[in-house]
Amino acid sequence: MRVGIKFCGNCNPVLDTLELARALARASEIEFVHWEGFEYDALLILSGCAVDCASRPDFRGPTVIVAGNHINRVPRPLEDLLDGILVALNQAINHPV
């Protein structure tokens, strides 16, 4: 599975999105690539806070949005964020809505 990552500007982060992306790569077999210039199966948008100001690329496939401690607008404890994102990505790709 290949996932494109789109970051916000990190102007007021509650979480370190770059470190989160690195942890996701270490914790899974998913290949994470930059959202621009690559083909991918799903898009992961990482916003460092709940404002969720990251722009949305024109991507028509499954998308998972992380905004602060929210995954697809559902709040999660920060300590469960990593596992929650991996579950959301697997569900988005294997069971698209």
Protein backbone atom coordinates (compact mmCIF):
# COMPACT_ATOMS: atom_id res chain seq x y z
CA MET A 1 0.00 0.00 0.00
CA ARG A 2 1.28 3.47 -0.89
CA VAL A 3 -0.05 6.53 0.92
CA GLY A 4 0.54 10.14 -0.07
CA ILE A 5 1.05 12.60 2.79
CA LYS A 6 -0.03 16.26 2.74
CA PHE A 7 1.11 18.44 5.65
CA CYS A 8 -0.35 21.70 6.92
CA GLY A 9 1.90 24.72 7.48
CA ASN A 10 2.42 23.79 11.16
CA CYS A 11 1.75 27.34 12.32
CA ASN A 12 0.25 26.32 15.69
CA PRO A 13 0.82 22.57 16.10
CA VAL A 14 -0.50 20.50 18.98
CA LEU A 15 1.44 17.55 17.61
CA ASP A 16 4.62 17.13 15.62
CA THR A 17 3.28 15.95 12.26
CA LEU A 18 6.73 15.18 10.84
CA GLU A 19 7.54 12.91 13.78
CA LEU A 20 4.07 11.37 13.49
CA ALA A 21 4.74 10.56 9.82
CA ARG A 22 8.07 8.99 10.75
CA ALA A 23 6.42 6.91 13.49
CA LEU A 24 3.74 5.74 11.04
CA ALA A 25 6.42 4.60 8.61
CA ARG A 26 8.29 2.74 11.36
CA ALA A 27 5.11 1.08 12.69
CA SER A 28 3.76 -0.27 9.40
CA GLU A 29 4.54 -1.79 6.02
CA ILE A 30 2.91 1.20 4.31
CA GLU A 31 5.03 3.17 1.87
CA PHE A 32 4.52 6.87 2.58
CA VAL A 33 5.30 9.35 -0.21
CA HIS A 34 4.90 13.07 -0.80
CA TRP A 35 1.39 13.85 -2.06
CA GLU A 36 2.74 15.70 -5.07
CA GLY A 37 4.48 13.85 -7.87
CA PHE A 38 3.64 10.28 -6.88
CA GLU A 39 0.76 7.88 -7.40
CA TYR A 40 -0.77 6.42 -4.24
CA ASP A 41 -3.70 4.34 -2.98
CA ALA A 42 -4.83 6.75 -0.27
CA LEU A 43 -4.11 10.27 0.93
CA LEU A 44 -3.23 11.18 4.51
CA ILE A 45 -3.67 14.83 5.43
CA LEU A 46 -1.79 15.79 8.58
CA SER A 47 -2.78 19.05 10.27
CA GLY A 48 -0.96 19.83 13.50
CA CYS A 49 -4.03 21.29 15.23
CA ALA A 50 -7.82 21.06 15.20
CA VAL A 51 -8.16 24.12 12.94
CA ASP A 52 -7.33 21.74 10.08
CA CYS A 53 -6.20 24.41 7.63
CA ALA A 54 -4.25 22.08 5.31
CA SER A 55 -5.31 22.54 1.72
CA ARG A 56 -6.85 19.56 -0.03
CA PRO A 57 -5.22 18.23 -3.19
CA ASP A 58 -7.43 17.11 -6.04
CA PHE A 59 -7.46 13.42 -5.12
CA ARG A 60 -10.50 11.24 -5.71
CA GLY A 61 -9.44 8.21 -3.68
CA PRO A 62 -9.72 7.35 0.00
CA THR A 63 -8.56 10.10 2.34
CA VAL A 64 -7.80 10.10 6.06
CA ILE A 65 -7.66 13.48 7.78
CA VAL A 66 -5.75 14.02 11.02
CA ALA A 67 -6.29 17.38 12.72
CA GLY A 68 -4.64 17.64 16.11
CA ASN A 69 -6.01 14.73 18.10
CA HIS A 70 -8.89 14.06 15.65
CA ILE A 71 -9.02 11.38 12.99
CA ASN A 72 -11.70 12.04 10.39
CA ARG A 73 -13.31 14.47 12.88
CA VAL A 74 -13.46 11.91 15.69
CA PRO A 75 -11.39 12.82 18.78
CA ARG A 76 -8.75 10.35 19.93
CA PRO A 77 -6.38 10.41 22.88
CA LEU A 78 -2.93 11.46 21.63
CA GLU A 79 -1.42 8.21 22.89
CA ASP A 80 -3.82 6.26 20.60
CA LEU A 81 -3.34 8.47 17.54
CA LEU A 82 -0.76 6.30 15.78
CA ASP A 83 -2.81 3.11 15.97
CA GLY A 84 -5.99 4.98 15.08
CA ILE A 85 -4.44 6.41 11.92
CA LEU A 86 -3.20 2.99 10.80
CA VAL A 87 -6.66 1.50 11.36
CA ALA A 88 -8.31 4.38 9.49
CA LEU A 89 -5.93 4.00 6.53
CA ASN A 90 -6.51 0.25 6.32
CA GLN A 91 -10.29 0.74 6.49
CA ALA A 92 -10.21 3.52 3.89
CA ILE A 93 -8.32 1.39 1.40
CA ASN A 94 -9.93 -1.99 2.09
CA HIS A 95 -13.50 -0.75 2.68
CA PRO A 96 -13.98 2.54 0.79
CA VAL A 97 -17.26 4.34 1.36
